Amino acid sequence: MEPYNGYVVSARPHANADGTFSAYGVVSLRQKIVTSSGWFEVYSTESGSIREALAWARKWIDDHG
């Protein structure tokens, strides 16, 4: 979790059975979830999936916050 323009962005990664990773992004405000993405594409690394989900959350805030 990290602050971004008054919100908190986070990523929820998931390890898939085949060794790949998926994640979704979450945008929170005052400890309540404002929105979340769907699952993003599959990545070969957990950090890659987290990066994508956090980028989505920041963009959502830039567009809607």
PDB file of N, CA and C in Angstrom:
ATOM      1  N   MET A   1       0.840  -1.173   0.000  1.00  0.00           N
ATOM      2  CA  MET A   1       0.000   0.000   0.000  1.00  0.00           C
ATOM      3  C   MET A   1       0.886   1.237   0.000  1.00  0.00           C
ATOM      4  N   GLU A   2       0.437   2.233  -0.744  1.00  0.00           N
ATOM      5  CA  GLU A   2       1.187   3.485  -0.773  1.00  0.00           C
ATOM      6  C   GLU A   2       0.235   4.646  -1.027  1.00  0.00           C
ATOM      7  N   PRO A   3       0.522   5.788  -0.421  1.00  0.00           N
ATOM      8  CA  PRO A   3      -0.321   6.960  -0.651  1.00  0.00           C
ATOM      9  C   PRO A   3      -0.099   7.517  -2.051  1.00  0.00           C
ATOM     10  N   TYR A   4      -1.178   8.071  -2.612  1.00  0.00           N
ATOM     11  CA  TYR A   4      -1.082   8.708  -3.924  1.00  0.00           C
ATOM     12  C   TYR A   4      -2.196   9.748  -4.031  1.00  0.00           C
ATOM     13  N   ASN A   5      -1.820  11.012  -4.053  1.00  0.00           N
ATOM     14  CA  ASN A   5      -2.766  12.129  -4.221  1.00  0.00           C
ATOM     15  C   ASN A   5      -3.972  12.054  -3.283  1.00  0.00           C
ATOM     16  N   GLY A   6      -3.733  11.757  -2.027  1.00  0.00           N
ATOM     17  CA  GLY A   6      -4.806  11.710  -1.036  1.00  0.00           C
ATOM     18  C   GLY A   6      -5.495  10.365  -0.921  1.00  0.00           C
ATOM     19  N   TYR A   7      -5.220   9.462  -1.816  1.00  0.00           N
ATOM     20  CA  TYR A   7      -5.784   8.114  -1.802  1.00  0.00           C
ATOM     21  C   TYR A   7      -4.700   7.130  -1.362  1.00  0.00           C
ATOM     22  N   VAL A   8      -5.080   5.886  -1.238  1.00  0.00           N
ATOM     23  CA  VAL A   8      -4.112   4.811  -1.021  1.00  0.00           C
ATOM     24  C   VAL A   8      -4.287   3.824  -2.154  1.00  0.00           C
ATOM     25  N   VAL A   9      -3.188   3.456  -2.797  1.00  0.00           N
ATOM     26  CA  VAL A   9      -3.231   2.451  -3.864  1.00  0.00           C
ATOM     27  C   VAL A   9      -2.552   1.183  -3.363  1.00  0.00           C
ATOM     28  N   SER A  10      -3.080   0.062  -3.793  1.00  0.00           N
ATOM     29  CA  SER A  10      -2.480  -1.216  -3.420  1.00  0.00           C
ATOM     30  C   SER A  10      -2.734  -2.218  -4.532  1.00  0.00           C
ATOM     31  N   ALA A  11      -1.988  -3.295  -4.467  1.00  0.00           N
ATOM     32  CA  ALA A  11      -2.131  -4.375  -5.443  1.00  0.00           C
ATOM     33  C   ALA A  11      -2.314  -5.678  -4.692  1.00  0.00           C
ATOM     34  N   ARG A  12      -3.148  -6.526  -5.222  1.00  0.00           N
ATOM     35  CA  ARG A  12      -3.379  -7.832  -4.629  1.00  0.00           C
ATOM     36  C   ARG A  12      -2.896  -8.897  -5.620  1.00  0.00           C
ATOM     37  N   PRO A  13      -1.696  -9.408  -5.415  1.00  0.00           N
ATOM     38  CA  PRO A  13      -1.162 -10.416  -6.332  1.00  0.00           C
ATOM     39  C   PRO A  13      -1.698 -11.808  -6.014  1.00  0.00           C
ATOM     40  N   HIS A  14      -1.638 -12.650  -7.012  1.00  0.00           N
ATOM     41  CA  HIS A  14      -2.078 -14.044  -6.874  1.00  0.00           C
ATOM     42  C   HIS A  14      -1.105 -14.928  -7.642  1.00  0.00           C
ATOM     43  N   ALA A  15      -0.598 -15.945  -6.982  1.00  0.00           N
ATOM     44  CA  ALA A  15       0.278 -16.916  -7.646  1.00  0.00           C
ATOM     45  C   ALA A  15      -0.596 -17.961  -8.331  1.00  0.00           C
ATOM     46  N   ASN A  16      -0.435 -18.104  -9.625  1.00  0.00           N
ATOM     47  CA  ASN A  16      -1.194 -19.097 -10.391  1.00  0.00           C
ATOM     48  C   ASN A  16      -0.502 -20.459 -10.313  1.00  0.00           C
ATOM     49  N   ALA A  17      -1.245 -21.500 -10.563  1.00  0.00           N
ATOM     50  CA  ALA A  17      -0.729 -22.870 -10.453  1.00  0.00           C
ATOM     51  C   ALA A  17       0.452 -23.134 -11.389  1.00  0.00           C
ATOM     52  N   ASP A  18       0.510 -22.422 -12.502  1.00  0.00           N
ATOM     53  CA  ASP A  18       1.581 -22.646 -13.473  1.00  0.00           C
ATOM     54  C   ASP A  18       2.846 -21.837 -13.181  1.00  0.00           C
ATOM     55  N   GLY A  19       2.890 -21.150 -12.036  1.00  0.00           N
ATOM     56  CA  GLY A  19       4.071 -20.376 -11.672  1.00  0.00           C
ATOM     57  C   GLY A  19       4.042 -18.931 -12.126  1.00  0.00           C
ATOM     58  N   THR A  20       2.976 -18.524 -12.815  1.00  0.00           N
ATOM     59  CA  THR A  20       2.823 -17.139 -13.226  1.00  0.00           C
ATOM     60  C   THR A  20       2.052 -16.374 -12.147  1.00  0.00           C
ATOM     61  N   PHE A  21       1.906 -15.062 -12.356  1.00  0.00           N
ATOM     62  CA  PHE A  21       1.234 -14.220 -11.367  1.00  0.00           C
ATOM     63  C   PHE A  21       0.216 -13.317 -12.036  1.00  0.00           C
ATOM     64  N   SER A  22      -0.857 -13.066 -11.327  1.00  0.00           N
ATOM     65  CA  SER A  22      -1.875 -12.098 -11.721  1.00  0.00           C
ATOM     66  C   SER A  22      -2.054 -11.152 -10.541  1.00  0.00           C
ATOM     67  N   ALA A  23      -2.587  -9.981 -10.795  1.00  0.00           N
ATOM     68  CA  ALA A  23      -2.858  -9.043  -9.710  1.00  0.00           C
ATOM     69  C   ALA A  23      -4.011  -8.142 -10.112  1.00  0.00           C
ATOM     70  N   TYR A  24      -4.620  -7.537  -9.113  1.00  0.00           N
ATOM     71  CA  TYR A  24      -5.581  -6.476  -9.384  1.00  0.00           C
ATOM     72  C   TYR A  24      -5.269  -5.287  -8.499  1.00  0.00           C
ATOM     73  N   GLY A  25      -5.656  -4.110  -8.968  1.00  0.00           N
ATOM     74  CA  GLY A  25      -5.382  -2.880  -8.248  1.00  0.00           C
ATOM     75  C   GLY A  25      -6.574  -2.452  -7.417  1.00  0.00           C
ATOM     76  N   VAL A  26      -6.282  -1.769  -6.312  1.00  0.00           N
ATOM     77  CA  VAL A  26      -7.319  -1.274  -5.408  1.00  0.00           C
ATOM     78  C   VAL A  26      -7.024   0.190  -5.083  1.00  0.00           C
ATOM     79  N   VAL A  27      -8.069   1.012  -5.125  1.00  0.00           N
ATOM     80  CA  VAL A  27      -7.978   2.417  -4.741  1.00  0.00           C
ATOM     81  C   VAL A  27      -8.844   2.602  -3.505  1.00  0.00           C
ATOM     82  N   SER A  28      -8.254   3.135  -2.440  1.00  0.00           N
ATOM     83  CA  SER A  28      -8.982   3.357  -1.186  1.00  0.00           C
ATOM     84  C   SER A  28      -8.909   4.821  -0.784  1.00  0.00           C
ATOM     85  N   LEU A  29      -9.918   5.236  -0.049  1.00  0.00           N
ATOM     86  CA  LEU A  29      -9.966   6.584   0.504  1.00  0.00           C
ATOM     87  C   LEU A  29     -10.559   6.485   1.899  1.00  0.00           C
ATOM     88  N   ARG A  30      -9.842   6.977   2.887  1.00  0.00           N
ATOM     89  CA  ARG A  30     -10.274   6.910   4.284  1.00  0.00           C
ATOM     90  C   ARG A  30     -10.616   5.482   4.701  1.00  0.00           C
ATOM     91  N   GLN A  31      -9.773   4.572   4.331  1.00  0.00           N
ATOM     92  CA  GLN A  31      -9.853   3.152   4.693  1.00  0.00           C
ATOM     93  C   GLN A  31     -11.066   2.434   4.094  1.00  0.00           C
ATOM     94  N   LYS A  32     -11.655   2.999   3.027  1.00  0.00           N
ATOM     95  CA  LYS A  32     -12.755   2.344   2.314  1.00  0.00           C
ATOM     96  C   LYS A  32     -12.365   2.195   0.852  1.00  0.00           C
ATOM     97  N   ILE A  33     -12.660   1.044   0.299  1.00  0.00           N
ATOM     98  CA  ILE A  33     -12.351   0.799  -1.115  1.00  0.00           C
ATOM     99  C   ILE A  33     -13.257   1.654  -1.985  1.00  0.00           C
ATOM    100  N   VAL A  34     -12.628   2.418  -2.877  1.00  0.00           N
ATOM    101  CA  VAL A  34     -13.352   3.257  -3.828  1.00  0.00           C
ATOM    102  C   VAL A  34     -13.635   2.463  -5.097  1.00  0.00           C
ATOM    103  N   THR A  35     -12.616   1.771  -5.594  1.00  0.00           N
ATOM    104  CA  THR A  35     -12.763   0.962  -6.801  1.00  0.00           C
ATOM    105  C   THR A  35     -11.632  -0.059  -6.852  1.00  0.00           C
ATOM    106  N   SER A  36     -11.838  -1.057  -7.681  1.00  0.00           N
ATOM    107  CA  SER A  36     -10.773  -2.023  -7.937  1.00  0.00           C
ATOM    108  C   SER A  36     -10.870  -2.465  -9.388  1.00  0.00           C
ATOM    109  N   SER A  37      -9.748  -2.887  -9.898  1.00  0.00           N
ATOM    110  CA  SER A  37      -9.699  -3.364 -11.281  1.00  0.00           C
ATOM    111  C   SER A  37     -10.107  -4.827 -11.314  1.00  0.00           C
ATOM    112  N   GLY A  38     -10.233  -5.337 -12.484  1.00  0.00           N
ATOM    113  CA  GLY A  38     -10.330  -6.781 -12.635  1.00  0.00           C
ATOM    114  C   GLY A  38      -8.923  -7.355 -12.624  1.00  0.00           C
ATOM    115  N   TRP A  39      -8.827  -8.645 -12.741  1.00  0.00           N
ATOM    116  CA  TRP A  39      -7.502  -9.277 -12.811  1.00  0.00           C
ATOM    117  C   TRP A  39      -6.805  -8.844 -14.086  1.00  0.00           C
ATOM    118  N   PHE A  40      -5.529  -8.479 -13.939  1.00  0.00           N
ATOM    119  CA  PHE A  40      -4.728  -8.122 -15.105  1.00  0.00           C
ATOM    120  C   PHE A  40      -4.133  -9.374 -15.729  1.00  0.00           C
ATOM    121  N   GLU A  41      -3.538  -9.177 -16.875  1.00  0.00           N
ATOM    122  CA  GLU A  41      -2.906 -10.276 -17.594  1.00  0.00           C
ATOM    123  C   GLU A  41      -1.939 -11.036 -16.699  1.00  0.00           C
ATOM    124  N   VAL A  42      -1.534 -12.161 -17.161  1.00  0.00           N
ATOM    125  CA  VAL A  42      -0.597 -13.015 -16.432  1.00  0.00           C
ATOM    126  C   VAL A  42       0.830 -12.530 -16.675  1.00  0.00           C
ATOM    127  N   TYR A  43       1.611 -12.485 -15.617  1.00  0.00           N
ATOM    128  CA  TYR A  43       3.009 -12.052 -15.684  1.00  0.00           C
ATOM    129  C   TYR A  43       3.915 -13.153 -15.168  1.00  0.00           C
ATOM    130  N   SER A  44       5.145 -13.147 -15.631  1.00  0.00           N
ATOM    131  CA  SER A  44       6.094 -14.176 -15.205  1.00  0.00           C
ATOM    132  C   SER A  44       6.629 -13.912 -13.803  1.00  0.00           C
ATOM    133  N   THR A  45       6.499 -12.664 -13.325  1.00  0.00           N
ATOM    134  CA  THR A  45       6.979 -12.335 -11.981  1.00  0.00           C
ATOM    135  C   THR A  45       5.873 -11.672 -11.165  1.00  0.00           C
ATOM    136  N   GLU A  46       5.939 -11.864  -9.865  1.00  0.00           N
ATOM    137  CA  GLU A  46       4.977 -11.219  -8.979  1.00  0.00           C
ATOM    138  C   GLU A  46       5.141  -9.701  -9.039  1.00  0.00           C
ATOM    139  N   SER A  47       6.391  -9.239  -9.081  1.00  0.00           N
ATOM    140  CA  SER A  47       6.630  -7.791  -9.115  1.00  0.00           C
ATOM    141  C   SER A  47       6.054  -7.157 -10.380  1.00  0.00           C
ATOM    142  N   GLY A  48       6.095  -7.866 -11.498  1.00  0.00           N
ATOM    143  CA  GLY A  48       5.507  -7.358 -12.735  1.00  0.00           C
ATOM    144  C   GLY A  48       4.004  -7.188 -12.617  1.00  0.00           C
ATOM    145  N   SER A  49       3.350  -8.140 -11.997  1.00  0.00           N
ATOM    146  CA  SER A  49       1.899  -8.046 -11.836  1.00  0.00           C
ATOM    147  C   SER A  49       1.543  -6.912 -10.879  1.00  0.00           C
ATOM    148  N   ILE A  50       2.327  -6.743  -9.828  1.00  0.00           N
ATOM    149  CA  ILE A  50       2.085  -5.670  -8.860  1.00  0.00           C
ATOM    150  C   ILE A  50       2.289  -4.309  -9.512  1.00  0.00           C
ATOM    151  N   ARG A  51       3.358  -4.153 -10.282  1.00  0.00           N
ATOM    152  CA  ARG A  51       3.626  -2.885 -10.984  1.00  0.00           C
ATOM    153  C   ARG A  51       2.453  -2.484 -11.862  1.00  0.00           C
ATOM    154  N   GLU A  52       1.921  -3.429 -12.609  1.00  0.00           N
ATOM    155  CA  GLU A  52       0.803  -3.147 -13.514  1.00  0.00           C
ATOM    156  C   GLU A  52      -0.441  -2.730 -12.733  1.00  0.00           C
ATOM    157  N   ALA A  53      -0.736  -3.421 -11.657  1.00  0.00           N
ATOM    158  CA  ALA A  53      -1.915  -3.099 -10.858  1.00  0.00           C
ATOM    159  C   ALA A  53      -1.789  -1.720 -10.205  1.00  0.00           C
ATOM    160  N   LEU A  54      -0.613  -1.388  -9.700  1.00  0.00           N
ATOM    161  CA  LEU A  54      -0.407  -0.068  -9.094  1.00  0.00           C
ATOM    162  C   LEU A  54      -0.482   1.039 -10.141  1.00  0.00           C
ATOM    163  N   ALA A  55       0.043   0.780 -11.321  1.00  0.00           N
ATOM    164  CA  ALA A  55      -0.037   1.772 -12.402  1.00  0.00           C
ATOM    165  C   ALA A  55      -1.499   2.032 -12.763  1.00  0.00           C
ATOM    166  N   TRP A  56      -2.301   0.978 -12.814  1.00  0.00           N
ATOM    167  CA  TRP A  56      -3.732   1.144 -13.095  1.00  0.00           C
ATOM    168  C   TRP A  56      -4.385   2.012 -12.013  1.00  0.00           C
ATOM    169  N   ALA A  57      -4.082   1.732 -10.744  1.00  0.00           N
ATOM    170  CA  ALA A  57      -4.691   2.470  -9.636  1.00  0.00           C
ATOM    171  C   ALA A  57      -4.318   3.955  -9.697  1.00  0.00           C
ATOM    172  N   ARG A  58      -3.057   4.256  -9.969  1.00  0.00           N
ATOM    173  CA  ARG A  58      -2.634   5.654 -10.075  1.00  0.00           C
ATOM    174  C   ARG A  58      -3.335   6.360 -11.235  1.00  0.00           C
ATOM    175  N   LYS A  59      -3.448   5.668 -12.359  1.00  0.00           N
ATOM    176  CA  LYS A  59      -4.131   6.263 -13.513  1.00  0.00           C
ATOM    177  C   LYS A  59      -5.602   6.505 -13.217  1.00  0.00           C
ATOM    178  N   TRP A  60      -6.234   5.571 -12.500  1.00  0.00           N
ATOM    179  CA  TRP A  60      -7.639   5.767 -12.150  1.00  0.00           C
ATOM    180  C   TRP A  60      -7.792   7.041 -11.326  1.00  0.00           C
ATOM    181  N   ILE A  61      -6.907   7.246 -10.364  1.00  0.00           N
ATOM    182  CA  ILE A  61      -6.955   8.445  -9.530  1.00  0.00           C
ATOM    183  C   ILE A  61      -6.723   9.697 -10.393  1.00  0.00           C
ATOM    184  N   ASP A  62      -5.747   9.641 -11.276  1.00  0.00           N
ATOM    185  CA  ASP A  62      -5.477  10.781 -12.156  1.00  0.00           C
ATOM    186  C   ASP A  62      -6.705  11.130 -13.010  1.00  0.00           C
ATOM    187  N   ASP A  63      -7.424  10.108 -13.454  1.00  0.00           N
ATOM    188  CA  ASP A  63      -8.588  10.315 -14.331  1.00  0.00           C
ATOM    189  C   ASP A  63      -9.876  10.636 -13.568  1.00  0.00           C
ATOM    190  N   HIS A  64     -10.028  10.127 -12.342  1.00  0.00           N
ATOM    191  CA  HIS A  64     -11.299  10.233 -11.630  1.00  0.00           C
ATOM    192  C   HIS A  64     -11.219  10.910 -10.270  1.00  0.00           C
ATOM    193  N   GLY A  65     -10.022  11.016  -9.711  1.00  0.00           N
ATOM    194  CA  GLY A  65      -9.872  11.495  -8.329  1.00  0.00           C
ATOM    195  C   GLY A  65     -10.023  12.978  -8.182  1.00  0.00           C
TER     196      GLY A  65
END
